[in-house]
Protein backbone atom coordinates (compact mmCIF):
# COMPACT_ATOMS: atom_id res chain seq x y z
CA MET A 1 -63.01 116.84 65.32
CA ALA A 2 -59.86 117.17 67.45
CA VAL A 3 -59.29 114.48 69.96
CA SER A 4 -57.32 115.37 73.04
CA LEU A 5 -55.30 112.57 74.56
CA VAL A 6 -54.48 113.02 78.20
CA SER A 7 -51.74 110.83 79.53
CA GLU A 8 -52.18 110.05 83.17
CA ALA A 9 -49.09 109.87 85.31
CA GLN A 10 -48.33 106.31 86.23
CA PRO A 11 -47.52 105.61 89.86
CA GLN A 12 -43.85 104.99 90.46
CA SER A 13 -43.21 101.53 91.81
CA SER A 14 -40.34 101.56 94.19
CA GLN A 15 -38.87 98.20 95.04
CA PRO A 16 -37.46 97.95 98.55
CA PRO A 17 -33.75 97.22 98.66
CA PRO A 18 -32.94 93.56 99.22
CA PRO A 19 -32.12 92.46 102.76
CA GLY A 20 -28.44 92.99 103.47
CA ALA A 21 -28.03 95.60 100.73
CA ALA A 22 -26.65 98.09 103.25
CA PHE A 23 -23.78 95.80 104.29
CA PRO A 24 -20.87 94.22 102.43
CA VAL A 25 -21.57 91.10 104.51
CA CYS A 26 -24.96 90.06 105.87
CA VAL A 27 -25.82 86.57 107.08
CA GLU A 28 -29.40 86.00 108.21
CA GLY A 29 -30.47 82.96 110.22
CA ALA A 30 -27.93 80.56 108.73
CA THR A 31 -27.96 76.92 109.80
CA LYS A 32 -25.55 74.27 108.52
CA SER A 33 -25.41 70.59 109.50
CA PHE A 34 -22.96 67.81 108.68
CA ARG A 35 -23.20 64.04 108.93
CA GLN A 36 -20.77 62.23 111.21
CA GLY A 37 -21.47 58.56 110.72
CA THR A 38 -25.10 58.09 111.69
CA SER A 39 -25.21 61.35 113.62
CA LYS A 40 -26.18 64.81 112.42
CA VAL A 41 -24.12 67.67 113.83
CA GLU A 42 -25.25 71.29 113.59
CA ALA A 43 -22.08 73.27 112.93
CA ILE A 44 -23.95 76.59 113.05
CA ARG A 45 -27.51 77.19 114.19
CA ASN A 46 -29.62 80.23 113.25
CA VAL A 47 -26.58 82.53 113.04
CA SER A 48 -26.90 86.14 111.90
CA LEU A 49 -24.03 88.55 111.27
CA SER A 50 -23.75 91.96 109.63
CA VAL A 51 -20.46 93.71 108.88
CA ALA A 52 -20.40 97.38 107.93
CA SER A 53 -18.31 98.82 105.13
CA GLY A 54 -14.73 99.44 106.25
CA GLU A 55 -15.16 97.44 109.46
CA PHE A 56 -12.62 94.95 110.84
CA VAL A 57 -14.43 92.14 112.69
CA ALA A 58 -13.00 89.11 114.46
CA ILE A 59 -15.10 85.98 114.92
CA MET A 60 -13.69 84.27 118.00
CA GLY A 61 -14.34 80.81 119.36
CA ALA A 62 -12.76 77.52 120.33
CA SER A 63 -12.29 74.63 117.93
CA GLY A 64 -15.72 73.28 117.02
CA SER A 65 -17.54 76.53 117.82
CA GLY A 66 -18.69 76.93 114.21
CA LYS A 67 -16.60 79.97 113.34
CA SER A 68 -14.88 78.46 110.29
CA THR A 69 -18.18 77.04 109.04
CA LEU A 70 -19.70 80.51 109.30
CA LEU A 71 -16.81 81.92 107.27
CA HIS A 72 -17.17 79.21 104.62
CA VAL A 73 -20.91 79.85 104.37
CA THR A 74 -20.24 83.59 104.05
CA ALA A 75 -17.74 82.93 101.25
CA GLY A 76 -20.11 80.64 99.39
CA LEU A 77 -17.72 77.72 99.82
CA THR A 78 -20.52 75.69 101.38
CA TRP A 79 -24.29 76.13 101.26
CA PRO A 80 -26.32 76.72 104.43
CA ASP A 81 -29.24 74.35 105.01
CA SER A 82 -31.38 77.40 105.73
CA GLY A 83 -30.96 81.16 105.99
CA GLN A 84 -29.59 83.72 103.56
CA VAL A 85 -26.15 85.10 102.78
CA PHE A 86 -25.63 88.48 101.10
CA VAL A 87 -22.24 89.77 99.96
CA ASP A 88 -22.05 93.25 98.49
CA GLY A 89 -25.86 93.23 98.32
CA ALA A 90 -26.05 90.02 96.24
CA ASP A 91 -27.94 86.95 97.45
CA LEU A 92 -25.55 84.01 97.02
CA SER A 93 -28.41 81.50 96.94
CA THR A 94 -29.63 82.87 93.59
CA MET A 95 -26.36 82.06 91.80
CA SER A 96 -25.38 78.98 89.84
CA ASP A 97 -22.03 77.34 90.62
CA GLY A 98 -20.39 79.18 87.72
CA GLN A 99 -21.88 82.53 88.71
CA LEU A 100 -20.83 82.01 92.31
CA THR A 101 -17.27 81.17 91.28
CA ARG A 102 -17.01 84.36 89.21
CA PHE A 103 -18.63 86.42 91.97
CA ARG A 104 -16.30 85.04 94.63
CA ARG A 105 -13.26 85.70 92.45
CA ARG A 106 -14.28 89.35 91.98
CA LYS A 107 -15.95 90.26 95.28
CA ILE A 108 -14.47 88.03 98.01
CA GLY A 109 -10.80 87.95 98.95
CA LEU A 110 -9.88 84.74 100.79
CA VAL A 111 -6.89 84.26 103.09
CA PHE A 112 -6.16 80.84 104.60
CA GLN A 113 -4.01 79.58 107.45
CA ALA A 114 -1.95 77.38 105.10
CA PHE A 115 -1.37 80.22 102.57
CA ASN A 116 -2.55 78.01 99.64
CA LEU A 117 0.10 79.36 97.27
CA ILE A 118 1.03 77.45 94.10
CA PRO A 119 4.60 76.19 94.70
CA SER A 120 5.72 76.43 91.06
CA LEU A 121 4.67 80.08 90.66
CA THR A 122 6.56 83.16 91.80
CA ALA A 123 5.07 85.52 94.38
CA GLU A 124 4.03 87.88 91.59
CA ASP A 125 2.36 85.11 89.59
CA ASN A 126 0.49 83.85 92.66
CA ILE A 127 -0.78 87.37 93.35
CA THR A 128 -1.96 88.04 89.81
CA LEU A 129 -3.60 84.66 89.25
CA PRO A 130 -7.17 85.78 90.20
CA LEU A 131 -7.03 88.69 87.74
CA LEU A 132 -5.71 86.51 84.93
CA ALA A 133 -8.33 83.82 85.64
CA ASP A 134 -10.99 86.52 85.40
CA GLY A 135 -9.68 87.88 82.09
CA GLN A 136 -8.61 91.21 83.61
CA SER A 137 -4.99 91.26 82.50
CA ALA A 138 -5.34 94.93 81.46
CA LYS A 139 -5.57 95.87 85.15
CA LEU A 140 -2.44 94.00 86.20
CA GLU A 141 0.13 96.78 86.27
CA GLU A 142 -2.11 99.43 87.83
CA ARG A 143 -2.98 97.10 90.71
CA LEU A 144 0.11 94.93 91.14
CA GLN A 145 2.86 97.45 91.83
CA PRO A 146 0.96 99.43 94.50
CA LEU A 147 0.17 96.16 96.30
CA LEU A 148 3.76 94.97 96.12
CA ASN A 149 4.96 98.29 97.49
CA ARG A 150 2.37 98.47 100.29
CA LEU A 151 2.98 94.92 101.46
CA GLY A 152 6.76 95.16 101.19
CA LEU A 153 6.98 92.43 98.56
CA THR A 154 8.71 94.23 95.68
CA PRO A 155 12.16 92.71 96.43
CA ARG A 156 10.57 89.24 96.71
CA ARG A 157 8.26 89.37 93.71
CA HIS A 158 10.22 86.83 91.64
CA HIS A 159 10.75 84.34 94.49
CA ARG A 160 8.80 81.09 94.73
CA PRO A 161 7.02 80.21 98.00
CA ASP A 162 9.76 77.87 99.22
CA ALA A 163 12.18 80.83 99.17
CA LEU A 164 9.87 82.99 101.29
CA SER A 165 9.37 83.09 105.04
CA GLY A 166 5.98 82.24 106.52
CA GLY A 167 5.19 85.90 107.06
CA GLU A 168 6.14 86.73 103.47
CA GLN A 169 4.00 83.89 102.15
CA GLN A 170 1.00 85.18 104.08
CA ARG A 171 1.59 88.69 102.73
CA VAL A 172 1.58 87.20 99.23
CA ALA A 173 -1.72 85.49 100.08
CA ILE A 174 -3.16 88.81 101.32
CA ALA A 175 -2.00 90.57 98.15
CA ARG A 176 -3.66 87.83 96.09
CA ALA A 177 -6.88 88.40 98.06
CA LEU A 178 -6.73 92.15 97.37
CA ILE A 179 -5.71 92.16 93.69
CA THR A 180 -9.32 92.08 92.42
CA ASP A 181 -10.34 94.93 94.76
CA PRO A 182 -12.95 92.77 96.54
CA ALA A 183 -15.91 93.96 98.59
CA VAL A 184 -14.75 91.93 101.58
CA VAL A 185 -11.68 90.02 102.76
CA LEU A 186 -12.34 86.82 104.72
CA ALA A 187 -9.39 85.34 106.62
CA ASP A 188 -9.51 81.93 108.32
CA GLU A 189 -6.91 81.73 111.13
CA PRO A 190 -4.43 83.81 109.06
CA THR A 191 -1.74 83.69 111.78
CA GLY A 192 -2.13 80.00 112.66
CA SER A 193 1.01 78.91 110.77
CA LEU A 194 3.17 81.85 111.86
CA ASP A 195 5.38 82.64 114.83
CA SER A 196 4.05 85.25 117.26
CA VAL A 197 6.02 88.18 115.82
CA SER A 198 5.07 87.43 112.21
CA GLY A 199 1.48 86.87 113.32
CA GLN A 200 1.26 90.25 114.98
CA ASN A 201 2.79 91.88 111.91
CA ILE A 202 0.06 90.33 109.75
CA CYS A 203 -2.62 91.55 112.17
CA GLN A 204 -1.20 95.06 112.10
CA LEU A 205 -1.12 94.95 108.31
CA LEU A 206 -4.81 93.95 108.15
CA GLN A 207 -5.74 96.74 110.56
CA GLU A 208 -3.79 99.29 108.52
CA LEU A 209 -5.40 98.13 105.27
CA CYS A 210 -8.80 98.52 106.90
CA ALA A 211 -7.98 102.05 108.08
CA GLU A 212 -6.13 103.26 104.96
CA GLN A 213 -8.19 101.67 102.21
CA LYS A 214 -11.53 101.24 104.04
CA ARG A 215 -11.31 97.49 103.51
CA THR A 216 -14.03 95.32 105.04
CA ILE A 217 -12.25 92.46 106.81
CA VAL A 218 -13.55 89.45 108.74
CA VAL A 219 -11.02 87.27 110.56
CA VAL A 220 -11.74 83.94 112.23
CA THR A 221 -9.47 83.20 115.18
CA HIS A 222 -9.23 81.55 118.57
CA GLU A 223 -6.41 83.83 119.70
CA PRO A 224 -7.08 86.96 121.81
CA ALA A 225 -3.81 88.45 120.51
CA VAL A 226 -5.32 88.38 117.00
CA ALA A 227 -8.86 89.41 117.93
CA ARG A 228 -7.68 92.55 119.72
CA TRP A 229 -6.64 94.10 116.38
CA ALA A 230 -10.25 94.10 115.18
CA LYS A 231 -12.80 96.79 115.95
CA ARG A 232 -15.41 94.29 117.10
CA VAL A 233 -15.32 90.71 118.36
CA VAL A 234 -18.16 88.26 117.72
CA VAL A 235 -18.06 85.32 120.15
CA MET A 236 -19.25 81.88 119.05
CA LYS A 237 -19.84 78.70 121.04
CA ASP A 238 -21.57 75.46 120.05
CA GLY A 239 -22.60 76.81 116.67
CA GLN A 240 -24.25 79.98 117.94
CA VAL A 241 -23.30 83.61 118.43
CA LEU A 242 -23.25 84.32 122.16
CA THR A 243 -22.57 88.03 122.01
CA GLU A 244 -20.25 90.64 120.57
CA PHE A 245 -18.20 93.46 122.05
CA PRO A 246 -15.94 96.33 120.91
CA THR A 247 -12.22 95.98 121.52
CA ALA A 248 -11.48 99.64 122.27
CA SER A 249 -11.74 99.21 126.04
CA PHE A 250 -9.14 96.42 126.22
CA ASN A 251 -5.55 97.58 126.54
CA ASN A 252 -3.94 94.17 126.04
CA PRO A 253 -4.81 90.66 124.84
CA HIS A 254 -4.86 89.32 128.42
CA ALA A 255 -7.75 91.58 129.37
CA LEU A 256 -9.61 90.63 126.20
CA ALA A 257 -8.95 86.93 126.87
CA ALA A 258 -10.33 87.24 130.40
CA HIS A 259 -13.50 88.90 129.09
CA TYR A 260 -13.88 86.21 126.43
CA GLN A 261 -13.56 83.46 129.03
CA ASP A 262 -16.18 85.12 131.21
CA ILE A 263 -18.57 85.05 128.25
CA VAL A 264 -18.05 81.44 127.18
CA ASN A 265 -18.05 80.13 130.78
CA ALA A 266 -21.18 82.01 131.87
C-alpha cells in the first residue's frame, strides 16, 4: 500500500533587525557616571544619538558637557552604566574585551587631539600599524598609496613625527584612522593642538572625505569654526543633548556661535 507523505510548508520566522541596524552609529539612552572622591558625577545622562551613513556630525559643548564621554562610549573605550551602543549594527555590550578590541580596530577609526603617533615610527609605519596589528598586511599597498596621495603625505611618508608639522601629524592620524576602511570615524577635538589655518584645513579635509568617500564622521568640538563644517550639530550641556540643528543656514562661524549661545543660555 502506497503511503503519500505530504510536507507542510513551515512558517518563515523573520527576526526583526536589531535596534540601530539602520545606522553606522546608534546610541540609545546611554548614562555614564564617574566617582570624584565621595561624589558621583553623571557625565552623560540618558543620551541618544543616531548618525546616518555618510553623514558628518559635530557634537558641540563646553568643557564638562559630556561630549567626550559620549564619544568614548560610542567607541567602546568606556562602558555606559546603562543604555546601548550600536556601531555598524553590532551591539558593543555583547562583546568580550578581545572581541571589542578587534571590532574597534576594524570598524572604528579614532582621531585624537594629541595625534597619538608613535615617535619612533615613520608616518607610513604609523598609518599602517592598525592593518599590521590585524594581520591584514596583504591589503597594505592597495590602501596605503591612495591614502598618502589623497592626504598629501607621499613626500612625507618616511618622516618621523618630530619632523612633521602639527597639521601633517594630524593628517597622518586621519590616514591611520582610515586605513582599515572603518564604518565610522570618531574625532575628539581634532583641531585642538593646531593653529587656526591648519585646523580649518583639517576640517575641510574631513568634509571632503565625507562627500567623496561617503565616510561617516563624528567630531567632538567646542569651536563653532569647526562645527560649521559638519552637516548637523548636536548640542550638549550638563551631560544631556539639548537639541540639534543643521548648519546649512549659517554663512559663517559667528552666526553659528550666536545660535549655539542662544541654545545653551536659554
